[in-house]
Amino acid sequence: MFKRVLIANRGEIALRIMRACRELGVETVCVYSQADKDAPYLRLADRAICIGPGPAKESYLNISRLIAAAEVADVEAIHPGYGFLSERPDFSQACRDCGIEFIGPSPEAMSKLGDKVECKRTARDNGVPVFPGSDGAIEEEEEAVKVAAKIGYPVIIKASAGGGGRGMKVCHNELALRSNLRIASQEAQAAFGNGAVFIEKYLEFARHVEIQCLGDKHGNAVHLFERDCSLQRRHQKVIEEAPSPNIDRRKLEKVAESAAKMIRSAKYAGAATCEFLLDDKGDFYMLEVNTRVQVEHPVTELITGVDIVKMSILIAAGEKIGFRQSDVKISGHAIECRINAEDPAHGFRPSAGKINTYETPGGPGVRLDSHVVPGYVVPPNYDSMIGKLIVHAETRDAALDRMSRALREFKVEPIKTTIPLHQRLVDDAAFRKGGVDIKYLERLLK
């Protein structure tokens, strides 16, 4: 096991990794930008190092500064968390070049699965169902037009690297395709440093279901079942739950097994999530693979009892997964609400500023992953998420009731948050029935 780990991230995921390291007896070095210099979680690290100004490109996205901090602190490994540099093969490679273990996949495995074009090829080779679309990146506009005509509109343009809705455009006709192709490529270049895009068939009313996998350095890979992430806004997840309601378990088991097989074939070590869309016939089509720990990992932890963050550290240290696929069982139901510092009543406008009142929920089956305390100032520089409220209960109905109760107890003032929206959603009749599609929230909010 490592003696000392650097956490190349901020906020709730930095604190989450810190706690996992502490339980493993590992020292932590937490980096921070000048915008985060007063963040209370920094006091829980064994050492904190400033790596630059508030803008992420000058701090959390600056590989040379992160490596320099790791060398100064004499760490053996770096955990990237999620976002920022977590899916950048060049960061994984930089760690390798400097003799530092990257807690995540190798640069080769990350490139193979993180690049959506290459990932589709790997998926096909392992029996994972994929969308009809271009075989590789689109080089010419006319090539895009031909592909779209063959598979039929609507189609979606997607960035080969990265995600989060950037470089993504839905096109319902040829005119829209031609006008959006260059825009999508420019967005992808700006966001990920890679302007390559490809085209797939677009499902208007699909559900979003993802399979959590783990792979180790000894050729083992398992899946930890699925999460349903269909409640989204502009391709950003709002509520996640596990297991997925109203789904064919036999079909899902087959898809989950093929996902684990793909992870194994890529010689992948660490946590990975294979994301799928589910059509109205119950058929799965793979979207992408996220080569990192996911924001919504807690719901899987609560239904399986597997600590995904700890496992990622143990796997990086060379340990085997330690359990077989048949050992993984589902227990109960878990739901996560992402709490963002945004105002849903005004177009989800960011709501940075000081938090004076912070009253958190508790009781049986309630978990809150957050770095916030009373007096914390939400900076305007980064993602607006200030915490994740997760509940677990024996049944889905009981979990929804528990979440409704916990949200009523949760008070964050004076900034605006998405708590009122979540209260509305967990009591929504259609969501309660299960099986809402990825466009449901946008239709609800019109």
Protein backbone atom coordinates (compact mmCIF):
# COMPACT_ATOMS: atom_id res chain seq x y z
CA MET A 1 0.00 0.00 0.00
CA PHE A 2 1.08 3.56 -0.67
CA LYS A 3 2.45 5.66 2.16
CA ARG A 4 1.32 9.01 0.73
CA VAL A 5 -1.17 10.03 -2.00
CA LEU A 6 -1.73 13.39 -3.67
CA ILE A 7 -5.35 14.32 -4.40
CA ALA A 8 -5.47 16.24 -7.68
CA ASN A 9 -8.96 17.63 -7.21
CA ARG A 10 -11.16 19.76 -4.98
CA GLY A 11 -14.49 19.87 -3.17
CA GLU A 12 -16.52 16.86 -2.14
CA ILE A 13 -14.55 14.31 -4.18
CA ALA A 14 -11.27 15.50 -2.64
CA LEU A 15 -12.78 14.98 0.80
CA ARG A 16 -14.20 11.59 -0.23
CA ILE A 17 -10.76 10.39 -1.39
CA MET A 18 -9.16 11.83 1.74
CA ARG A 19 -11.48 9.81 3.97
CA ALA A 20 -10.83 6.61 2.01
CA CYS A 21 -7.07 7.12 2.32
CA ARG A 22 -7.35 7.78 6.04
CA GLU A 23 -9.19 4.48 6.55
CA LEU A 24 -6.46 2.70 4.61
CA GLY A 25 -3.73 4.31 6.73
CA VAL A 26 -2.48 6.42 3.81
CA GLU A 27 -1.27 10.02 4.24
CA THR A 28 -2.89 12.64 1.99
CA VAL A 29 -1.57 15.71 0.23
CA CYS A 30 -4.36 17.94 -1.04
CA VAL A 31 -3.68 20.60 -3.66
CA TYR A 32 -5.73 23.79 -3.85
CA SER A 33 -6.07 26.94 -5.91
CA GLN A 34 -6.09 30.43 -4.43
CA ALA A 35 -9.88 30.42 -4.82
CA ASP A 36 -10.04 27.40 -2.49
CA LYS A 37 -7.44 28.55 0.04
CA ASP A 38 -9.99 28.74 2.87
CA ALA A 39 -11.78 25.47 2.05
CA PRO A 40 -12.33 23.70 5.40
CA TYR A 41 -11.57 20.20 4.08
CA LEU A 42 -7.94 21.22 3.53
CA ARG A 43 -7.44 21.09 7.31
CA LEU A 44 -8.14 17.34 7.24
CA ALA A 45 -5.26 16.62 4.85
CA ASP A 46 -1.81 15.80 6.17
CA ARG A 47 -0.48 18.53 3.91
CA ALA A 48 -2.00 21.13 1.58
CA ILE A 49 -0.15 22.75 -1.32
CA CYS A 50 -1.26 25.75 -3.37
CA ILE A 51 -0.86 25.12 -7.09
CA GLY A 52 -1.93 28.43 -8.59
CA PRO A 53 -4.66 31.03 -9.16
CA GLY A 54 -8.41 30.39 -9.23
CA PRO A 55 -8.87 29.65 -12.97
CA ALA A 56 -8.70 25.87 -13.40
CA LYS A 57 -6.34 26.06 -16.36
CA GLU A 58 -3.78 27.69 -14.07
CA SER A 59 -4.23 25.24 -11.21
CA TYR A 60 -6.29 22.02 -11.31
CA LEU A 61 -5.72 21.59 -15.06
CA ASN A 62 -2.01 22.42 -14.95
CA ILE A 63 -0.16 19.09 -15.18
CA SER A 64 3.31 20.51 -14.55
CA ARG A 65 2.20 22.20 -11.32
CA LEU A 66 0.48 19.04 -10.09
CA ILE A 67 3.54 16.91 -10.83
CA ALA A 68 5.78 19.49 -9.13
CA ALA A 69 3.57 19.39 -6.02
CA ALA A 70 3.68 15.58 -6.03
CA GLU A 71 7.47 15.61 -6.24
CA VAL A 72 7.84 18.23 -3.50
CA ALA A 73 5.55 16.22 -1.23
CA ASP A 74 7.28 12.93 -2.15
CA VAL A 75 4.06 11.06 -2.87
CA GLU A 76 3.88 7.61 -4.43
CA ALA A 77 0.54 8.04 -6.18
CA ILE A 78 -1.96 10.61 -7.46
CA HIS A 79 -5.74 10.23 -7.37
CA PRO A 80 -7.42 12.46 -9.98
CA GLY A 81 -11.02 12.13 -8.72
CA TYR A 82 -13.50 13.06 -11.46
CA GLY A 83 -13.52 15.98 -13.89
CA PHE A 84 -10.43 18.12 -14.44
CA LEU A 85 -7.58 15.80 -15.54
CA SER A 86 -9.17 12.49 -14.54
CA GLU A 87 -9.69 11.30 -18.14
CA ARG A 88 -6.57 12.76 -19.71
CA PRO A 89 -4.13 10.08 -20.93
CA ASP A 90 -1.34 12.67 -20.98
CA PHE A 91 -1.75 13.17 -17.22
CA SER A 92 -1.62 9.42 -16.62
CA GLN A 93 1.48 9.29 -18.85
CA ALA A 94 3.12 12.21 -17.01
CA CYS A 95 2.65 10.36 -13.73
CA ARG A 96 4.22 7.23 -15.22
CA ASP A 97 7.15 9.21 -16.63
CA CYS A 98 7.86 10.63 -13.18
CA GLY A 99 7.59 7.30 -11.37
CA ILE A 100 4.27 8.18 -9.72
CA GLU A 101 1.37 5.74 -9.73
CA PHE A 102 -1.78 7.11 -11.36
CA ILE A 103 -4.82 5.85 -9.46
CA GLY A 104 -6.79 4.95 -12.53
CA PRO A 105 -6.20 3.25 -15.86
CA SER A 106 -2.98 3.23 -17.81
CA PRO A 107 -2.60 5.77 -20.62
CA GLU A 108 -3.12 2.95 -23.13
CA ALA A 109 -6.35 1.67 -21.53
CA MET A 110 -7.65 5.21 -21.06
CA SER A 111 -7.00 6.05 -24.70
CA LYS A 112 -8.64 2.85 -25.86
CA LEU A 113 -11.85 3.34 -23.87
CA GLY A 114 -11.89 7.09 -23.27
CA ASP A 115 -11.82 7.93 -26.95
CA LYS A 116 -15.38 7.26 -28.10
CA VAL A 117 -14.44 6.18 -31.61
CA GLU A 118 -11.86 3.64 -30.44
CA CYS A 119 -14.21 2.57 -27.64
CA LYS A 120 -16.95 1.65 -30.12
CA ARG A 121 -14.54 -0.62 -31.97
CA THR A 122 -13.55 -2.32 -28.71
CA ALA A 123 -17.20 -2.66 -27.72
CA ARG A 124 -18.13 -4.38 -30.99
CA ASP A 125 -15.24 -6.83 -30.54
CA ASN A 126 -16.61 -7.84 -27.14
CA GLY A 127 -20.27 -8.16 -28.01
CA VAL A 128 -21.34 -4.87 -26.43
CA PRO A 129 -24.32 -3.37 -28.32
CA VAL A 130 -23.49 -0.02 -29.97
CA PHE A 131 -25.39 2.61 -31.94
CA PRO A 132 -25.38 2.64 -35.74
CA GLY A 133 -23.26 5.54 -36.96
CA SER A 134 -19.88 6.51 -38.37
CA ASP A 135 -17.11 3.93 -38.04
CA GLY A 136 -14.65 6.61 -36.98
CA ALA A 137 -14.16 10.34 -36.68
CA ILE A 138 -15.83 12.43 -39.38
CA GLU A 139 -13.25 14.07 -41.62
CA GLU A 140 -15.46 15.79 -44.21
CA GLU A 141 -18.91 17.39 -44.17
CA GLU A 142 -20.13 15.28 -47.07
CA GLU A 143 -19.11 12.12 -45.23
CA ALA A 144 -21.33 13.21 -42.33
CA VAL A 145 -24.25 13.81 -44.68
CA LYS A 146 -23.88 10.31 -46.18
CA VAL A 147 -23.74 8.63 -42.77
CA ALA A 148 -26.82 10.51 -41.56
CA ALA A 149 -28.76 9.62 -44.70
CA LYS A 150 -27.91 5.96 -44.19
CA ILE A 151 -28.91 5.66 -40.51
CA GLY A 152 -31.76 8.20 -40.65
CA TYR A 153 -32.50 11.38 -38.72
CA PRO A 154 -32.35 12.47 -35.99
CA VAL A 155 -28.63 12.02 -35.46
CA ILE A 156 -26.26 13.32 -32.82
CA ILE A 157 -22.79 14.79 -33.31
CA LYS A 158 -20.50 13.86 -30.42
CA ALA A 159 -16.96 14.75 -29.39
CA SER A 160 -14.59 11.81 -29.61
CA ALA A 161 -12.88 12.95 -26.39
CA GLY A 162 -14.61 14.07 -23.21
CA GLY A 163 -18.30 14.43 -22.41
CA GLY A 164 -20.65 16.49 -20.26
CA GLY A 165 -22.63 17.66 -23.28
CA ARG A 166 -19.79 19.69 -24.78
CA GLY A 167 -19.26 19.18 -28.50
CA MET A 168 -22.65 17.47 -28.65
CA LYS A 169 -25.36 18.54 -31.11
CA VAL A 170 -28.67 16.89 -32.04
CA CYS A 171 -29.62 17.32 -35.70
CA HIS A 172 -33.06 16.59 -37.16
CA ASN A 173 -32.20 17.33 -40.78
CA GLU A 174 -29.32 17.87 -43.20
CA LEU A 175 -29.31 21.65 -42.81
CA ALA A 176 -28.87 21.35 -39.03
CA LEU A 177 -26.15 18.74 -39.51
CA ARG A 178 -24.12 20.91 -41.86
CA SER A 179 -24.42 24.01 -39.66
CA ASN A 180 -23.60 22.20 -36.39
CA LEU A 181 -20.71 20.04 -37.51
CA ARG A 182 -18.07 22.76 -37.35
CA ILE A 183 -19.55 24.25 -34.16
CA ALA A 184 -19.40 20.88 -32.41
CA SER A 185 -15.80 20.35 -33.51
CA GLN A 186 -14.79 23.81 -32.26
CA GLU A 187 -16.49 23.19 -28.90
CA ALA A 188 -14.71 19.84 -28.56
CA GLN A 189 -11.36 21.43 -29.41
CA ALA A 190 -11.86 24.17 -26.84
CA ALA A 191 -13.05 21.81 -24.09
CA PHE A 192 -10.80 18.78 -24.61
CA GLY A 193 -7.99 19.84 -26.92
CA ASN A 194 -9.32 17.39 -29.50
CA GLY A 195 -11.75 18.52 -32.20
CA ALA A 196 -12.57 15.05 -33.54
CA VAL A 197 -16.31 14.31 -33.73
CA PHE A 198 -18.42 11.37 -34.90
CA ILE A 199 -22.10 10.72 -35.66
CA GLU A 200 -24.59 8.28 -34.16
CA LYS A 201 -28.29 7.59 -34.40
CA TYR A 202 -30.14 9.67 -31.80
CA LEU A 203 -32.89 8.26 -29.61
CA GLU A 204 -35.49 10.91 -28.74
CA PHE A 205 -37.04 9.24 -25.68
CA ALA A 206 -34.37 6.90 -24.33
CA ARG A 207 -33.48 6.04 -20.78
CA HIS A 208 -29.90 6.39 -19.54
CA VAL A 209 -28.58 3.28 -17.79
CA GLU A 210 -24.94 2.74 -16.88
CA ILE A 211 -22.93 -0.27 -15.70
CA GLN A 212 -20.30 0.18 -12.97
CA CYS A 213 -17.21 -1.98 -13.51
CA LEU A 214 -13.92 -2.64 -11.75
CA GLY A 215 -10.78 -4.07 -13.29
CA ASP A 216 -7.43 -4.91 -11.71
CA LYS A 217 -3.83 -5.43 -12.86
CA HIS A 218 -4.19 -9.19 -12.74
CA GLY A 219 -6.70 -9.54 -15.57
CA ASN A 220 -9.81 -9.61 -13.39
CA ALA A 221 -12.93 -7.53 -14.04
CA VAL A 222 -16.39 -7.47 -12.48
CA HIS A 223 -19.50 -5.37 -12.79
CA LEU A 224 -21.41 -3.88 -9.84
CA PHE A 225 -24.75 -3.79 -11.65
CA GLU A 226 -26.39 -0.65 -12.99
CA ARG A 227 -27.48 2.88 -12.20
CA ASP A 228 -30.35 4.76 -13.83
CA CYS A 229 -29.46 8.37 -14.67
CA SER A 230 -32.40 9.32 -16.89
CA LEU A 231 -33.37 12.50 -15.05
CA GLN A 232 -31.08 14.96 -16.82
CA ARG A 233 -30.93 18.55 -17.93
CA ARG A 234 -28.83 19.43 -20.98
CA HIS A 235 -27.01 16.08 -20.76
CA GLN A 236 -26.13 16.73 -17.11
CA LYS A 237 -27.41 14.18 -14.59
CA VAL A 238 -29.71 15.46 -11.85
CA ILE A 239 -30.88 12.34 -10.00
CA GLU A 240 -29.35 8.86 -10.10
CA GLU A 241 -30.62 5.60 -8.63
CA ALA A 242 -29.79 1.92 -8.38
CA PRO A 243 -31.05 -0.54 -9.31
CA SER A 244 -32.87 0.75 -12.38
CA PRO A 245 -36.68 0.48 -12.13
CA ASN A 246 -38.84 -1.41 -14.63
CA ILE A 247 -36.03 -3.06 -16.56
CA ASP A 248 -35.55 -6.55 -18.00
CA ARG A 249 -33.01 -8.04 -15.59
CA ARG A 250 -32.05 -10.83 -17.99
CA LYS A 251 -31.16 -8.37 -20.75
CA LEU A 252 -29.29 -6.19 -18.30
CA GLU A 253 -27.26 -9.09 -16.94
CA LYS A 254 -26.12 -9.99 -20.44
CA VAL A 255 -25.12 -6.38 -21.19
CA ALA A 256 -23.36 -6.04 -17.83
CA GLU A 257 -21.34 -9.19 -18.47
CA SER A 258 -20.28 -7.90 -21.90
CA ALA A 259 -19.26 -4.58 -20.32
CA ALA A 260 -17.03 -6.36 -17.79
CA LYS A 261 -15.58 -8.43 -20.64
CA MET A 262 -14.72 -5.23 -22.53
CA ILE A 263 -13.01 -3.76 -19.46
CA ARG A 264 -11.01 -6.96 -19.10
CA SER A 265 -10.00 -6.98 -22.77
CA ALA A 266 -8.68 -3.42 -22.51
CA LYS A 267 -6.41 -4.47 -19.60
CA TYR A 268 -8.13 -1.80 -17.57
CA ALA A 269 -7.22 -1.26 -13.90
CA GLY A 270 -9.54 0.86 -11.76
CA ALA A 271 -13.14 2.03 -11.75
CA ALA A 272 -14.92 2.40 -15.10
CA THR A 273 -18.52 3.09 -16.08
CA CYS A 274 -20.07 1.86 -19.33
CA GLU A 275 -22.96 4.14 -20.23
CA PHE A 276 -25.93 2.98 -22.30
CA LEU A 277 -29.16 4.30 -23.72
CA LEU A 278 -32.20 2.06 -23.46
CA ASP A 279 -34.86 2.35 -26.17
CA ASP A 280 -38.60 1.80 -25.84
CA LYS A 281 -38.15 -1.86 -26.81
CA GLY A 282 -35.78 -2.45 -23.92
CA ASP A 283 -32.68 -2.72 -26.12
CA PHE A 284 -29.34 -1.33 -24.94
CA TYR A 285 -26.90 0.78 -26.98
CA MET A 286 -23.55 1.86 -25.55
CA LEU A 287 -22.83 5.57 -25.37
CA GLU A 288 -19.32 5.71 -23.93
CA VAL A 289 -17.02 4.56 -21.16
CA ASN A 290 -16.08 6.95 -18.35
CA THR A 291 -12.53 6.04 -17.35
CA ARG A 292 -12.75 7.33 -13.78
CA VAL A 293 -14.83 7.20 -10.63
CA GLN A 294 -18.30 8.66 -11.29
CA VAL A 295 -20.05 11.43 -9.37
CA GLU A 296 -22.90 8.98 -8.69
CA HIS A 297 -20.73 6.13 -7.37
CA PRO A 298 -22.32 6.26 -3.87
CA VAL A 299 -25.61 4.70 -5.01
CA THR A 300 -23.70 1.63 -6.19
CA GLU A 301 -21.72 1.51 -2.96
CA LEU A 302 -24.93 1.50 -0.94
CA ILE A 303 -26.63 -1.34 -2.82
CA THR A 304 -23.53 -3.58 -3.12
CA GLY A 305 -21.44 -2.74 -0.05
CA VAL A 306 -18.37 -2.21 -2.24
CA ASP A 307 -16.31 0.92 -1.47
CA ILE A 308 -15.43 1.99 -5.01
CA VAL A 309 -12.96 4.71 -4.00
CA LYS A 310 -11.07 2.41 -1.66
CA MET A 311 -11.05 -0.27 -4.35
CA SER A 312 -9.52 2.15 -6.85
CA ILE A 313 -6.67 2.83 -4.44
CA LEU A 314 -6.13 -0.85 -3.61
CA ILE A 315 -6.15 -1.79 -7.31
CA ALA A 316 -3.58 0.92 -8.13
CA ALA A 317 -1.40 -0.47 -5.35
CA GLY A 318 -1.43 -3.84 -7.14
CA GLU A 319 -4.02 -5.75 -5.14
CA LYS A 320 -6.54 -8.09 -6.74
CA ILE A 321 -10.23 -7.23 -6.67
CA GLY A 322 -10.67 -9.95 -4.05
CA PHE A 323 -14.19 -11.11 -4.88
CA ARG A 324 -15.92 -12.89 -7.74
CA GLN A 325 -18.85 -11.75 -9.85
CA SER A 326 -21.10 -14.23 -8.08
CA ASP A 327 -20.27 -12.57 -4.76
CA VAL A 328 -21.81 -9.25 -5.78
CA LYS A 329 -25.46 -8.94 -4.73
CA ILE A 330 -28.00 -6.12 -4.80
CA SER A 331 -29.39 -5.07 -1.44
CA GLY A 332 -32.24 -2.54 -1.37
CA HIS A 333 -32.52 0.67 -3.38
CA ALA A 334 -30.44 3.87 -3.38
CA ILE A 335 -31.12 7.34 -4.79
CA GLU A 336 -28.78 10.33 -5.18
CA CYS A 337 -29.71 13.99 -5.65
CA ARG A 338 -26.99 16.34 -6.87
CA ILE A 339 -27.25 19.56 -4.89
CA ASN A 340 -26.03 22.46 -7.01
CA ALA A 341 -25.61 26.13 -6.17
CA GLU A 342 -28.03 27.15 -8.91
CA ASP A 343 -31.41 28.84 -9.17
CA PRO A 344 -33.83 26.53 -11.04
CA ALA A 345 -36.48 29.28 -11.05
CA HIS A 346 -34.23 31.47 -13.21
CA GLY A 347 -32.78 29.14 -15.80
CA PHE A 348 -30.42 27.41 -13.36
CA ARG A 349 -28.41 30.59 -12.94
CA PRO A 350 -25.25 29.96 -10.85
CA SER A 351 -25.57 31.14 -7.26
CA ALA A 352 -22.08 31.62 -5.85
CA GLY A 353 -21.54 33.31 -2.50
CA LYS A 354 -21.36 32.74 1.24
CA ILE A 355 -23.48 30.08 2.92
CA ASN A 356 -24.70 31.29 6.31
CA THR A 357 -27.20 28.53 7.07
CA TYR A 358 -26.28 24.91 6.42
CA GLU A 359 -28.57 22.44 8.17
CA THR A 360 -28.03 18.90 6.96
CA PRO A 361 -30.40 15.90 7.08
CA GLY A 362 -29.67 12.69 8.93
CA GLY A 363 -31.31 9.56 10.27
CA PRO A 364 -31.28 5.94 9.07
CA GLY A 365 -30.14 5.36 5.51
CA VAL A 366 -29.11 8.97 4.81
CA ARG A 367 -25.66 9.89 3.49
CA LEU A 368 -24.38 13.33 2.55
CA ASP A 369 -21.15 13.72 0.57
CA SER A 370 -20.28 17.40 0.81
CA HIS A 371 -17.34 19.66 1.59
CA VAL A 372 -19.56 22.55 2.70
CA VAL A 373 -19.85 23.96 6.24
CA PRO A 374 -21.64 27.07 7.56
CA GLY A 375 -19.66 30.11 6.42
CA TYR A 376 -18.30 28.40 3.32
CA VAL A 377 -18.05 30.65 0.26
CA VAL A 378 -19.02 28.96 -3.01
CA PRO A 379 -16.48 30.20 -5.58
CA PRO A 380 -17.63 31.16 -9.09
CA ASN A 381 -14.68 29.41 -10.73
CA TYR A 382 -15.82 25.79 -10.77
CA ASP A 383 -18.71 23.36 -11.12
CA SER A 384 -21.71 24.43 -9.06
CA MET A 385 -22.21 21.14 -7.19
CA ILE A 386 -21.92 21.60 -3.43
CA GLY A 387 -22.93 18.13 -2.36
CA LYS A 388 -24.69 14.86 -3.02
CA LEU A 389 -27.57 13.65 -0.89
CA ILE A 390 -27.92 9.87 -1.02
CA VAL A 391 -30.46 7.62 0.68
CA HIS A 392 -30.84 3.85 0.94
CA ALA A 393 -33.87 1.78 1.85
CA GLU A 394 -35.28 -1.71 1.35
CA THR A 395 -37.52 -0.70 -1.58
CA ARG A 396 -37.66 2.07 -4.18
CA ASP A 397 -40.84 3.55 -2.71
CA ALA A 398 -39.28 3.62 0.73
CA ALA A 399 -36.13 5.24 -0.68
CA LEU A 400 -38.21 7.94 -2.41
CA ASP A 401 -40.08 8.63 0.82
CA ARG A 402 -36.80 8.82 2.72
CA MET A 403 -35.32 11.21 0.14
CA SER A 404 -38.41 13.41 0.32
CA ARG A 405 -38.05 13.60 4.09
CA ALA A 406 -34.30 14.29 3.93
CA LEU A 407 -34.73 17.08 1.38
CA ARG A 408 -37.26 18.80 3.65
CA GLU A 409 -34.65 18.79 6.42
CA PHE A 410 -31.89 20.19 4.18
CA LYS A 411 -31.53 23.99 4.44
CA VAL A 412 -28.90 26.02 2.59
CA GLU A 413 -29.19 29.82 2.74
CA PRO A 414 -29.03 32.51 1.46
CA ILE A 415 -27.72 31.16 -1.86
CA LYS A 416 -30.12 29.40 -4.21
CA THR A 417 -29.84 25.63 -4.67
CA THR A 418 -31.56 22.82 -6.56
CA ILE A 419 -33.12 21.41 -3.36
CA PRO A 420 -36.63 22.70 -4.23
CA LEU A 421 -36.38 21.09 -7.68
CA HIS A 422 -35.41 17.76 -6.14
CA GLN A 423 -38.34 17.98 -3.74
CA ARG A 424 -40.64 18.41 -6.72
CA LEU A 425 -39.04 15.53 -8.64
CA VAL A 426 -39.10 12.87 -5.92
CA ASP A 427 -42.83 13.54 -5.46
CA ASP A 428 -43.54 13.58 -9.21
CA ALA A 429 -46.05 10.88 -10.21
CA ALA A 430 -44.29 9.87 -13.45
CA PHE A 431 -40.89 9.57 -11.77
CA ARG A 432 -42.48 7.59 -8.94
CA LYS A 433 -43.76 5.06 -11.48
CA GLY A 434 -40.22 4.64 -12.88
CA GLY A 435 -38.90 4.66 -16.41
CA VAL A 436 -38.88 8.38 -17.28
CA ASP A 437 -36.75 9.23 -20.32
CA ILE A 438 -33.79 11.59 -20.68
CA LYS A 439 -35.97 14.44 -22.00
CA TYR A 440 -38.61 14.18 -19.27
CA LEU A 441 -37.13 16.84 -16.99
CA GLU A 442 -36.79 19.36 -19.81
CA ARG A 443 -40.43 18.80 -20.78
CA LEU A 444 -41.49 19.10 -17.13
CA LEU A 445 -39.72 22.45 -16.72
CA LYS A 446 -41.18 24.08 -19.85
